[in-house]
Amino acid sequence: MKTSEVLLLAGDVLRERGWRQGWFGFPVGPMCMLGACNFAIDGRPDGHAAVDTMPEVLDVLDVVTTQDAEGRRAIWNDSPQRTKDDVLAALDAAYVLALQEEGADLDEVFA
């Protein structure tokens, strides 16, 4: 699975199931940003770190969330001022960045 595919699916999962803070989430119901990425990779949002198997997903999330320290993505997601719209915008931006890094023709992708 490509990085862009993980990020696109993670955004779809949050739009469909909802967003939460404070925990990855459960297989049914809302998830945090990382829980949605985990779910996109292997169908399980909680209690493990599927995203660790795809560090490139974490790399692009770090760029768009302006976090550069290990584990800071969860703090960004759980910040009291964070909103679902912020998280979806970050996932969308990470998706576009991943597409660019994969060499995709963005005009063709978004035609």
PDB file of N, CA and C in Angstrom:
ATOM      1  N   MET A   1       0.848  -1.179   0.000  1.00  0.00           N
ATOM      2  CA  MET A   1       0.000   0.000   0.000  1.00  0.00           C
ATOM      3  C   MET A   1       0.892   1.240   0.000  1.00  0.00           C
ATOM      4  N   LYS A   2       0.546   2.206  -0.816  1.00  0.00           N
ATOM      5  CA  LYS A   2       1.302   3.444  -0.901  1.00  0.00           C
ATOM      6  C   LYS A   2       0.942   4.372   0.260  1.00  0.00           C
ATOM      7  N   THR A   3       1.862   5.254   0.578  1.00  0.00           N
ATOM      8  CA  THR A   3       1.636   6.256   1.618  1.00  0.00           C
ATOM      9  C   THR A   3       0.385   7.075   1.309  1.00  0.00           C
ATOM     10  N   SER A   4       0.255   7.512   0.074  1.00  0.00           N
ATOM     11  CA  SER A   4      -0.906   8.325  -0.307  1.00  0.00           C
ATOM     12  C   SER A   4      -2.208   7.559  -0.089  1.00  0.00           C
ATOM     13  N   GLU A   5      -2.213   6.274  -0.371  1.00  0.00           N
ATOM     14  CA  GLU A   5      -3.417   5.459  -0.187  1.00  0.00           C
ATOM     15  C   GLU A   5      -3.803   5.368   1.286  1.00  0.00           C
ATOM     16  N   VAL A   6      -2.805   5.215   2.158  1.00  0.00           N
ATOM     17  CA  VAL A   6      -3.068   5.169   3.596  1.00  0.00           C
ATOM     18  C   VAL A   6      -3.699   6.473   4.063  1.00  0.00           C
ATOM     19  N   LEU A   7      -3.128   7.584   3.640  1.00  0.00           N
ATOM     20  CA  LEU A   7      -3.617   8.889   4.083  1.00  0.00           C
ATOM     21  C   LEU A   7      -5.005   9.199   3.536  1.00  0.00           C
ATOM     22  N   LEU A   8      -5.263   8.836   2.293  1.00  0.00           N
ATOM     23  CA  LEU A   8      -6.589   9.038   1.714  1.00  0.00           C
ATOM     24  C   LEU A   8      -7.626   8.214   2.468  1.00  0.00           C
ATOM     25  N   LEU A   9      -7.319   6.961   2.713  1.00  0.00           N
ATOM     26  CA  LEU A   9      -8.249   6.091   3.441  1.00  0.00           C
ATOM     27  C   LEU A   9      -8.445   6.571   4.873  1.00  0.00           C
ATOM     28  N   ALA A  10      -7.384   7.031   5.525  1.00  0.00           N
ATOM     29  CA  ALA A  10      -7.505   7.541   6.895  1.00  0.00           C
ATOM     30  C   ALA A  10      -8.474   8.723   6.949  1.00  0.00           C
ATOM     31  N   GLY A  11      -8.370   9.619   5.980  1.00  0.00           N
ATOM     32  CA  GLY A  11      -9.311  10.740   5.919  1.00  0.00           C
ATOM     33  C   GLY A  11     -10.739  10.270   5.696  1.00  0.00           C
ATOM     34  N   ASP A  12     -10.914   9.297   4.818  1.00  0.00           N
ATOM     35  CA  ASP A  12     -12.254   8.743   4.577  1.00  0.00           C
ATOM     36  C   ASP A  12     -12.825   8.107   5.840  1.00  0.00           C
ATOM     37  N   VAL A  13     -11.971   7.400   6.579  1.00  0.00           N
ATOM     38  CA  VAL A  13     -12.402   6.750   7.822  1.00  0.00           C
ATOM     39  C   VAL A  13     -12.888   7.794   8.816  1.00  0.00           C
ATOM     40  N   LEU A  14     -12.139   8.878   8.977  1.00  0.00           N
ATOM     41  CA  LEU A  14     -12.557   9.916   9.924  1.00  0.00           C
ATOM     42  C   LEU A  14     -13.820  10.628   9.471  1.00  0.00           C
ATOM     43  N   ARG A  15     -13.964  10.838   8.186  1.00  0.00           N
ATOM     44  CA  ARG A  15     -15.184  11.478   7.694  1.00  0.00           C
ATOM     45  C   ARG A  15     -16.401  10.580   7.933  1.00  0.00           C
ATOM     46  N   GLU A  16     -16.209   9.282   7.790  1.00  0.00           N
ATOM     47  CA  GLU A  16     -17.317   8.336   7.952  1.00  0.00           C
ATOM     48  C   GLU A  16     -17.622   8.025   9.421  1.00  0.00           C
ATOM     49  N   ARG A  17     -16.595   7.788  10.221  1.00  0.00           N
ATOM     50  CA  ARG A  17     -16.780   7.297  11.590  1.00  0.00           C
ATOM     51  C   ARG A  17     -16.671   8.362  12.661  1.00  0.00           C
ATOM     52  N   GLY A  18     -16.060   9.495  12.309  1.00  0.00           N
ATOM     53  CA  GLY A  18     -15.870  10.557  13.286  1.00  0.00           C
ATOM     54  C   GLY A  18     -14.453  10.589  13.836  1.00  0.00           C
ATOM     55  N   TRP A  19     -14.157  11.679  14.513  1.00  0.00           N
ATOM     56  CA  TRP A  19     -12.823  11.930  15.049  1.00  0.00           C
ATOM     57  C   TRP A  19     -12.895  12.010  16.566  1.00  0.00           C
ATOM     58  N   ARG A  20     -11.817  11.596  17.208  1.00  0.00           N
ATOM     59  CA  ARG A  20     -11.755  11.656  18.665  1.00  0.00           C
ATOM     60  C   ARG A  20     -10.357  12.073  19.109  1.00  0.00           C
ATOM     61  N   GLN A  21     -10.271  12.401  20.367  1.00  0.00           N
ATOM     62  CA  GLN A  21      -8.999  12.712  20.997  1.00  0.00           C
ATOM     63  C   GLN A  21      -8.786  11.770  22.174  1.00  0.00           C
ATOM     64  N   GLY A  22      -7.539  11.612  22.584  1.00  0.00           N
ATOM     65  CA  GLY A  22      -7.220  10.895  23.797  1.00  0.00           C
ATOM     66  C   GLY A  22      -7.014   9.398  23.673  1.00  0.00           C
ATOM     67  N   TRP A  23      -7.370   8.810  22.566  1.00  0.00           N
ATOM     68  CA  TRP A  23      -7.180   7.372  22.360  1.00  0.00           C
ATOM     69  C   TRP A  23      -7.278   7.094  20.869  1.00  0.00           C
ATOM     70  N   PHE A  24      -6.591   6.040  20.418  1.00  0.00           N
ATOM     71  CA  PHE A  24      -6.607   5.687  19.000  1.00  0.00           C
ATOM     72  C   PHE A  24      -8.019   5.476  18.477  1.00  0.00           C
ATOM     73  N   GLY A  25      -8.842   4.823  19.249  1.00  0.00           N
ATOM     74  CA  GLY A  25     -10.201   4.494  18.831  1.00  0.00           C
ATOM     75  C   GLY A  25     -10.407   2.999  18.856  1.00  0.00           C
ATOM     76  N   PHE A  26     -11.555   2.593  18.410  1.00  0.00           N
ATOM     77  CA  PHE A  26     -11.934   1.186  18.372  1.00  0.00           C
ATOM     78  C   PHE A  26     -12.354   0.850  16.946  1.00  0.00           C
ATOM     79  N   PRO A  27     -12.435  -0.426  16.594  1.00  0.00           N
ATOM     80  CA  PRO A  27     -12.780  -0.777  15.212  1.00  0.00           C
ATOM     81  C   PRO A  27     -14.093  -0.173  14.712  1.00  0.00           C
ATOM     82  N   VAL A  28     -14.990   0.154  15.625  1.00  0.00           N
ATOM     83  CA  VAL A  28     -16.241   0.815  15.259  1.00  0.00           C
ATOM     84  C   VAL A  28     -16.289   2.137  16.011  1.00  0.00           C
ATOM     85  N   GLY A  29     -16.605   3.213  15.334  1.00  0.00           N
ATOM     86  CA  GLY A  29     -16.708   4.506  15.988  1.00  0.00           C
ATOM     87  C   GLY A  29     -15.566   5.433  15.635  1.00  0.00           C
ATOM     88  N   PRO A  30     -15.514   6.579  16.317  1.00  0.00           N
ATOM     89  CA  PRO A  30     -14.519   7.598  16.001  1.00  0.00           C
ATOM     90  C   PRO A  30     -13.097   7.164  16.328  1.00  0.00           C
ATOM     91  N   MET A  31     -12.138   7.782  15.631  1.00  0.00           N
ATOM     92  CA  MET A  31     -10.719   7.474  15.805  1.00  0.00           C
ATOM     93  C   MET A  31      -9.922   8.770  15.786  1.00  0.00           C
ATOM     94  N   CYS A  32      -8.732   8.720  16.358  1.00  0.00           N
ATOM     95  CA  CYS A  32      -7.813   9.848  16.236  1.00  0.00           C
ATOM     96  C   CYS A  32      -7.090   9.741  14.886  1.00  0.00           C
ATOM     97  N   MET A  33      -6.286  10.731  14.590  1.00  0.00           N
ATOM     98  CA  MET A  33      -5.569  10.738  13.316  1.00  0.00           C
ATOM     99  C   MET A  33      -4.695   9.496  13.149  1.00  0.00           C
ATOM    100  N   LEU A  34      -3.923   9.153  14.174  1.00  0.00           N
ATOM    101  CA  LEU A  34      -3.065   7.976  14.068  1.00  0.00           C
ATOM    102  C   LEU A  34      -3.868   6.687  14.072  1.00  0.00           C
ATOM    103  N   GLY A  35      -4.961   6.654  14.838  1.00  0.00           N
ATOM    104  CA  GLY A  35      -5.821   5.474  14.823  1.00  0.00           C
ATOM    105  C   GLY A  35      -6.394   5.225  13.436  1.00  0.00           C
ATOM    106  N   ALA A  36      -6.778   6.306  12.756  1.00  0.00           N
ATOM    107  CA  ALA A  36      -7.310   6.168  11.396  1.00  0.00           C
ATOM    108  C   ALA A  36      -6.227   5.679  10.430  1.00  0.00           C
ATOM    109  N   CYS A  37      -4.988   6.143  10.623  1.00  0.00           N
ATOM    110  CA  CYS A  37      -3.884   5.653   9.782  1.00  0.00           C
ATOM    111  C   CYS A  37      -3.612   4.178  10.067  1.00  0.00           C
ATOM    112  N   ASN A  38      -3.588   3.804  11.344  1.00  0.00           N
ATOM    113  CA  ASN A  38      -3.429   2.388  11.693  1.00  0.00           C
ATOM    114  C   ASN A  38      -4.526   1.557  11.039  1.00  0.00           C
ATOM    115  N   PHE A  39      -5.763   2.027  11.152  1.00  0.00           N
ATOM    116  CA  PHE A  39      -6.920   1.315  10.591  1.00  0.00           C
ATOM    117  C   PHE A  39      -6.777   1.169   9.079  1.00  0.00           C
ATOM    118  N   ALA A  40      -6.300   2.217   8.433  1.00  0.00           N
ATOM    119  CA  ALA A  40      -6.113   2.161   6.979  1.00  0.00           C
ATOM    120  C   ALA A  40      -5.083   1.106   6.590  1.00  0.00           C
ATOM    121  N   ILE A  41      -4.093   0.900   7.437  1.00  0.00           N
ATOM    122  CA  ILE A  41      -3.035  -0.060   7.128  1.00  0.00           C
ATOM    123  C   ILE A  41      -3.479  -1.494   7.382  1.00  0.00           C
ATOM    124  N   ASP A  42      -4.095  -1.742   8.538  1.00  0.00           N
ATOM    125  CA  ASP A  42      -4.404  -3.145   8.842  1.00  0.00           C
ATOM    126  C   ASP A  42      -5.747  -3.397   9.533  1.00  0.00           C
ATOM    127  N   GLY A  43      -6.619  -2.397   9.546  1.00  0.00           N
ATOM    128  CA  GLY A  43      -7.962  -2.629  10.072  1.00  0.00           C
ATOM    129  C   GLY A  43      -8.090  -2.582  11.583  1.00  0.00           C
ATOM    130  N   ARG A  44      -7.033  -2.159  12.285  1.00  0.00           N
ATOM    131  CA  ARG A  44      -7.073  -2.073  13.753  1.00  0.00           C
ATOM    132  C   ARG A  44      -6.535  -0.711  14.185  1.00  0.00           C
ATOM    133  N   PRO A  45      -7.359   0.121  14.793  1.00  0.00           N
ATOM    134  CA  PRO A  45      -6.877   1.434  15.191  1.00  0.00           C
ATOM    135  C   PRO A  45      -6.117   1.465  16.512  1.00  0.00           C
ATOM    136  N   ASP A  46      -6.435   0.550  17.412  1.00  0.00           N
ATOM    137  CA  ASP A  46      -5.983   0.706  18.793  1.00  0.00           C
ATOM    138  C   ASP A  46      -4.955  -0.332  19.227  1.00  0.00           C
ATOM    139  N   GLY A  47      -4.175   0.056  20.224  1.00  0.00           N
ATOM    140  CA  GLY A  47      -3.303  -0.872  20.920  1.00  0.00           C
ATOM    141  C   GLY A  47      -2.083  -1.355  20.170  1.00  0.00           C
ATOM    142  N   HIS A  48      -1.786  -0.797  19.060  1.00  0.00           N
ATOM    143  CA  HIS A  48      -0.603  -1.186  18.314  1.00  0.00           C
ATOM    144  C   HIS A  48      -0.160  -0.007  17.452  1.00  0.00           C
ATOM    145  N   ALA A  49       0.898  -0.169  16.764  1.00  0.00           N
ATOM    146  CA  ALA A  49       1.425   0.935  15.965  1.00  0.00           C
ATOM    147  C   ALA A  49       1.702   0.486  14.538  1.00  0.00           C
ATOM    148  N   ALA A  50       0.652   0.237  13.778  1.00  0.00           N
ATOM    149  CA  ALA A  50       0.820  -0.156  12.378  1.00  0.00           C
ATOM    150  C   ALA A  50       1.577   0.911  11.601  1.00  0.00           C
ATOM    151  N   VAL A  51       1.377   2.181  11.962  1.00  0.00           N
ATOM    152  CA  VAL A  51       2.082   3.242  11.238  1.00  0.00           C
ATOM    153  C   VAL A  51       3.593   3.132  11.399  1.00  0.00           C
ATOM    154  N   ASP A  52       4.045   2.463  12.456  1.00  0.00           N
ATOM    155  CA  ASP A  52       5.488   2.275  12.611  1.00  0.00           C
ATOM    156  C   ASP A  52       6.066   1.413  11.494  1.00  0.00           C
ATOM    157  N   THR A  53       5.232   0.603  10.855  1.00  0.00           N
ATOM    158  CA  THR A  53       5.690  -0.222   9.741  1.00  0.00           C
ATOM    159  C   THR A  53       5.799   0.591   8.452  1.00  0.00           C
ATOM    160  N   MET A  54       5.252   1.803   8.469  1.00  0.00           N
ATOM    161  CA  MET A  54       5.305   2.700   7.315  1.00  0.00           C
ATOM    162  C   MET A  54       5.765   4.075   7.777  1.00  0.00           C
ATOM    163  N   PRO A  55       7.045   4.233   8.092  1.00  0.00           N
ATOM    164  CA  PRO A  55       7.522   5.514   8.616  1.00  0.00           C
ATOM    165  C   PRO A  55       7.282   6.689   7.678  1.00  0.00           C
ATOM    166  N   GLU A  56       7.132   6.411   6.401  1.00  0.00           N
ATOM    167  CA  GLU A  56       6.866   7.501   5.453  1.00  0.00           C
ATOM    168  C   GLU A  56       5.521   8.174   5.739  1.00  0.00           C
ATOM    169  N   VAL A  57       4.554   7.440   6.282  1.00  0.00           N
ATOM    170  CA  VAL A  57       3.276   8.041   6.676  1.00  0.00           C
ATOM    171  C   VAL A  57       3.522   9.045   7.800  1.00  0.00           C
ATOM    172  N   LEU A  58       4.307   8.630   8.779  1.00  0.00           N
ATOM    173  CA  LEU A  58       4.624   9.516   9.899  1.00  0.00           C
ATOM    174  C   LEU A  58       5.424  10.727   9.430  1.00  0.00           C
ATOM    175  N   ASP A  59       6.314  10.519   8.474  1.00  0.00           N
ATOM    176  CA  ASP A  59       7.130  11.623   7.964  1.00  0.00           C
ATOM    177  C   ASP A  59       6.273  12.723   7.355  1.00  0.00           C
ATOM    178  N   VAL A  60       5.322  12.369   6.500  1.00  0.00           N
ATOM    179  CA  VAL A  60       4.495  13.411   5.876  1.00  0.00           C
ATOM    180  C   VAL A  60       3.537  14.031   6.886  1.00  0.00           C
ATOM    181  N   LEU A  61       3.069  13.255   7.847  1.00  0.00           N
ATOM    182  CA  LEU A  61       2.238  13.841   8.909  1.00  0.00           C
ATOM    183  C   LEU A  61       3.035  14.849   9.725  1.00  0.00           C
ATOM    184  N   ASP A  62       4.298  14.544   9.979  1.00  0.00           N
ATOM    185  CA  ASP A  62       5.142  15.488  10.713  1.00  0.00           C
ATOM    186  C   ASP A  62       5.293  16.803   9.960  1.00  0.00           C
ATOM    187  N   VAL A  63       5.417  16.733   8.651  1.00  0.00           N
ATOM    188  CA  VAL A  63       5.567  17.952   7.855  1.00  0.00           C
ATOM    189  C   VAL A  63       4.312  18.812   7.961  1.00  0.00           C
ATOM    190  N   VAL A  64       3.156  18.213   7.822  1.00  0.00           N
ATOM    191  CA  VAL A  64       1.927  19.015   7.783  1.00  0.00           C
ATOM    192  C   VAL A  64       1.412  19.401   9.159  1.00  0.00           C
ATOM    193  N   THR A  65       1.845  18.707  10.185  1.00  0.00           N
ATOM    194  CA  THR A  65       1.435  19.098  11.540  1.00  0.00           C
ATOM    195  C   THR A  65       2.519  19.910  12.224  1.00  0.00           C
ATOM    196  N   THR A  66       3.577  20.218  11.510  1.00  0.00           N
ATOM    197  CA  THR A  66       4.720  21.004  11.979  1.00  0.00           C
ATOM    198  C   THR A  66       5.330  20.436  13.252  1.00  0.00           C
ATOM    199  N   GLN A  67       5.278  19.143  13.387  1.00  0.00           N
ATOM    200  CA  GLN A  67       5.897  18.476  14.539  1.00  0.00           C
ATOM    201  C   GLN A  67       7.087  17.691  14.041  1.00  0.00           C
ATOM    202  N   ASP A  68       8.171  17.731  14.795  1.00  0.00           N
ATOM    203  CA  ASP A  68       9.348  17.009  14.355  1.00  0.00           C
ATOM    204  C   ASP A  68       9.904  16.061  15.413  1.00  0.00           C
ATOM    205  N   ALA A  69       9.293  15.996  16.567  1.00  0.00           N
ATOM    206  CA  ALA A  69       9.785  15.107  17.623  1.00  0.00           C
ATOM    207  C   ALA A  69       8.934  13.843  17.671  1.00  0.00           C
ATOM    208  N   GLU A  70       9.569  12.727  17.977  1.00  0.00           N
ATOM    209  CA  GLU A  70       8.870  11.439  18.057  1.00  0.00           C
ATOM    210  C   GLU A  70       7.671  11.544  18.990  1.00  0.00           C
ATOM    211  N   GLY A  71       6.548  11.048  18.541  1.00  0.00           N
ATOM    212  CA  GLY A  71       5.359  11.010  19.377  1.00  0.00           C
ATOM    213  C   GLY A  71       4.564  12.297  19.429  1.00  0.00           C
ATOM    214  N   ARG A  72       5.011  13.327  18.740  1.00  0.00           N
ATOM    215  CA  ARG A  72       4.329  14.622  18.819  1.00  0.00           C
ATOM    216  C   ARG A  72       3.020  14.660  18.041  1.00  0.00           C
ATOM    217  N   ARG A  73       2.835  13.734  17.098  1.00  0.00           N
ATOM    218  CA  ARG A  73       1.599  13.728  16.311  1.00  0.00           C
ATOM    219  C   ARG A  73       0.387  13.551  17.212  1.00  0.00           C
ATOM    220  N   ALA A  74       0.524  12.672  18.213  1.00  0.00           N
ATOM    221  CA  ALA A  74      -0.598  12.440  19.134  1.00  0.00           C
ATOM    222  C   ALA A  74      -0.895  13.697  19.936  1.00  0.00           C
ATOM    223  N   ILE A  75       0.148  14.411  20.340  1.00  0.00           N
ATOM    224  CA  ILE A  75      -0.053  15.656  21.079  1.00  0.00           C
ATOM    225  C   ILE A  75      -0.748  16.672  20.184  1.00  0.00           C
ATOM    226  N   TRP A  76      -0.362  16.740  18.923  1.00  0.00           N
ATOM    227  CA  TRP A  76      -1.009  17.654  17.979  1.00  0.00           C
ATOM    228  C   TRP A  76      -2.493  17.305  17.851  1.00  0.00           C
ATOM    229  N   ASN A  77      -2.817  16.041  17.654  1.00  0.00           N
ATOM    230  CA  ASN A  77      -4.199  15.590  17.529  1.00  0.00           C
ATOM    231  C   ASN A  77      -5.001  15.915  18.789  1.00  0.00           C
ATOM    232  N   ASP A  78      -4.395  15.749  19.956  1.00  0.00           N
ATOM    233  CA  ASP A  78      -5.106  15.874  21.226  1.00  0.00           C
ATOM    234  C   ASP A  78      -5.087  17.285  21.807  1.00  0.00           C
ATOM    235  N   SER A  79      -4.498  18.228  21.123  1.00  0.00           N
ATOM    236  CA  SER A  79      -4.462  19.605  21.602  1.00  0.00           C
ATOM    237  C   SER A  79      -5.894  20.119  21.808  1.00  0.00           C
ATOM    238  N   PRO A  80      -6.160  20.810  22.912  1.00  0.00           N
ATOM    239  CA  PRO A  80      -7.533  21.273  23.194  1.00  0.00           C
ATOM    240  C   PRO A  80      -8.143  22.150  22.098  1.00  0.00           C
ATOM    241  N   GLN A  81      -7.312  22.905  21.388  1.00  0.00           N
ATOM    242  CA  GLN A  81      -7.864  23.767  20.338  1.00  0.00           C
ATOM    243  C   GLN A  81      -8.037  23.058  18.997  1.00  0.00           C
ATOM    244  N   ARG A  82      -7.569  21.788  18.901  1.00  0.00           N
ATOM    245  CA  ARG A  82      -7.656  21.050  17.642  1.00  0.00           C
ATOM    246  C   ARG A  82      -9.104  20.707  17.323  1.00  0.00           C
ATOM    247  N   THR A  83      -9.443  20.717  16.053  1.00  0.00           N
ATOM    248  CA  THR A  83     -10.791  20.358  15.612  1.00  0.00           C
ATOM    249  C   THR A  83     -10.711  19.233  14.585  1.00  0.00           C
ATOM    250  N   LYS A  84     -11.855  18.624  14.348  1.00  0.00           N
ATOM    251  CA  LYS A  84     -11.923  17.595  13.313  1.00  0.00           C
ATOM    252  C   LYS A  84     -11.523  18.188  11.966  1.00  0.00           C
ATOM    253  N   ASP A  85     -11.951  19.402  11.689  1.00  0.00           N
ATOM    254  CA  ASP A  85     -11.588  20.040  10.418  1.00  0.00           C
ATOM    255  C   ASP A  85     -10.072  20.220  10.297  1.00  0.00           C
ATOM    256  N   ASP A  86      -9.398  20.570  11.400  1.00  0.00           N
ATOM    257  CA  ASP A  86      -7.935  20.686  11.379  1.00  0.00           C
ATOM    258  C   ASP A  86      -7.294  19.360  11.005  1.00  0.00           C
ATOM    259  N   VAL A  87      -7.777  18.292  11.611  1.00  0.00           N
ATOM    260  CA  VAL A  87      -7.199  16.968  11.382  1.00  0.00           C
ATOM    261  C   VAL A  87      -7.451  16.519   9.943  1.00  0.00           C
ATOM    262  N   LEU A  88      -8.655  16.728   9.458  1.00  0.00           N
ATOM    263  CA  LEU A  88      -8.954  16.361   8.070  1.00  0.00           C
ATOM    264  C   LEU A  88      -8.116  17.176   7.095  1.00  0.00           C
ATOM    265  N   ALA A  89      -7.925  18.460   7.380  1.00  0.00           N
ATOM    266  CA  ALA A  89      -7.088  19.296   6.520  1.00  0.00           C
ATOM    267  C   ALA A  89      -5.643  18.798   6.529  1.00  0.00           C
ATOM    268  N   ALA A  90      -5.149  18.377   7.693  1.00  0.00           N
ATOM    269  CA  ALA A  90      -3.783  17.841   7.775  1.00  0.00           C
ATOM    270  C   ALA A  90      -3.661  16.547   6.980  1.00  0.00           C
ATOM    271  N   LEU A  91      -4.642  15.671   7.102  1.00  0.00           N
ATOM    272  CA  LEU A  91      -4.606  14.418   6.333  1.00  0.00           C
ATOM    273  C   LEU A  91      -4.677  14.689   4.837  1.00  0.00           C
ATOM    274  N   ASP A  92      -5.512  15.643   4.439  1.00  0.00           N
ATOM    275  CA  ASP A  92      -5.603  15.996   3.020  1.00  0.00           C
ATOM    276  C   ASP A  92      -4.276  16.567   2.511  1.00  0.00           C
ATOM    277  N   ALA A  93      -3.659  17.442   3.303  1.00  0.00           N
ATOM    278  CA  ALA A  93      -2.374  18.020   2.908  1.00  0.00           C
ATOM    279  C   ALA A  93      -1.291  16.942   2.849  1.00  0.00           C
ATOM    280  N   ALA A  94      -1.313  16.029   3.804  1.00  0.00           N
ATOM    281  CA  ALA A  94      -0.340  14.934   3.808  1.00  0.00           C
ATOM    282  C   ALA A  94      -0.548  14.031   2.593  1.00  0.00           C
ATOM    283  N   TYR A  95      -1.794  13.814   2.221  1.00  0.00           N
ATOM    284  CA  TYR A  95      -2.115  13.014   1.028  1.00  0.00           C
ATOM    285  C   TYR A  95      -1.497  13.649  -0.217  1.00  0.00           C
ATOM    286  N   VAL A  96      -1.683  14.954  -0.383  1.00  0.00           N
ATOM    287  CA  VAL A  96      -1.128  15.648  -1.550  1.00  0.00           C
ATOM    288  C   VAL A  96       0.401  15.596  -1.522  1.00  0.00           C
ATOM    289  N   LEU A  97       0.992  15.818  -0.356  1.00  0.00           N
ATOM    290  CA  LEU A  97       2.447  15.740  -0.241  1.00  0.00           C
ATOM    291  C   LEU A  97       2.951  14.342  -0.597  1.00  0.00           C
ATOM    292  N   ALA A  98       2.264  13.325  -0.122  1.00  0.00           N
ATOM    293  CA  ALA A  98       2.656  11.946  -0.441  1.00  0.00           C
ATOM    294  C   ALA A  98       2.554  11.688  -1.938  1.00  0.00           C
ATOM    295  N   LEU A  99       1.481  12.167  -2.558  1.00  0.00           N
ATOM    296  CA  LEU A  99       1.358  12.016  -4.012  1.00  0.00           C
ATOM    297  C   LEU A  99       2.536  12.659  -4.737  1.00  0.00           C
ATOM    298  N   GLN A 100       2.910  13.855  -4.311  1.00  0.00           N
ATOM    299  CA  GLN A 100       4.040  14.546  -4.930  1.00  0.00           C
ATOM    300  C   GLN A 100       5.323  13.736  -4.759  1.00  0.00           C
ATOM    301  N   GLU A 101       5.531  13.223  -3.543  1.00  0.00           N
ATOM    302  CA  GLU A 101       6.740  12.441  -3.279  1.00  0.00           C
ATOM    303  C   GLU A 101       6.750  11.134  -4.077  1.00  0.00           C
ATOM    304  N   GLU A 102       5.573  10.614  -4.393  1.00  0.00           N
ATOM    305  CA  GLU A 102       5.463   9.382  -5.177  1.00  0.00           C
ATOM    306  C   GLU A 102       5.559   9.655  -6.674  1.00  0.00           C
ATOM    307  N   GLY A 103       5.638  10.938  -7.044  1.00  0.00           N
ATOM    308  CA  GLY A 103       5.784  11.309  -8.452  1.00  0.00           C
ATOM    309  C   GLY A 103       4.482  11.340  -9.233  1.00  0.00           C
ATOM    310  N   ALA A 104       3.371  11.412  -8.545  1.00  0.00           N
ATOM    311  CA  ALA A 104       2.067  11.445  -9.223  1.00  0.00           C
ATOM    312  C   ALA A 104       1.864  12.779  -9.937  1.00  0.00           C
ATOM    313  N   ASP A 105       1.149  12.745 -11.036  1.00  0.00           N
ATOM    314  CA  ASP A 105       0.755  13.952 -11.750  1.00  0.00           C
ATOM    315  C   ASP A 105      -0.518  14.477 -11.084  1.00  0.00           C
ATOM    316  N   LEU A 106      -0.388  15.545 -10.289  1.00  0.00           N
ATOM    317  CA  LEU A 106      -1.528  16.045  -9.530  1.00  0.00           C
ATOM    318  C   LEU A 106      -2.664  16.528 -10.418  1.00  0.00           C
ATOM    319  N   ASP A 107      -2.342  17.071 -11.590  1.00  0.00           N
ATOM    320  CA  ASP A 107      -3.396  17.487 -12.512  1.00  0.00           C
ATOM    321  C   ASP A 107      -4.234  16.293 -12.941  1.00  0.00           C
ATOM    322  N   GLU A 108      -3.564  15.162 -13.133  1.00  0.00           N
ATOM    323  CA  GLU A 108      -4.273  13.954 -13.532  1.00  0.00           C
ATOM    324  C   GLU A 108      -5.079  13.367 -12.367  1.00  0.00           C
ATOM    325  N   VAL A 109      -4.491  13.363 -11.166  1.00  0.00           N
ATOM    326  CA  VAL A 109      -5.157  12.816  -9.979  1.00  0.00           C
ATOM    327  C   VAL A 109      -6.429  13.592  -9.668  1.00  0.00           C
ATOM    328  N   PHE A 110      -6.355  14.911  -9.785  1.00  0.00           N
ATOM    329  CA  PHE A 110      -7.494  15.762  -9.382  1.00  0.00           C
ATOM    330  C   PHE A 110      -8.307  16.255 -10.572  1.00  0.00           C
ATOM    331  N   ALA A 111      -8.172  15.612 -11.724  1.00  0.00           N
ATOM    332  CA  ALA A 111      -8.928  16.017 -12.919  1.00  0.00           C
ATOM    333  C   ALA A 111     -10.385  15.617 -12.794  1.00  0.00           C
TER     334      ALA A 111
END
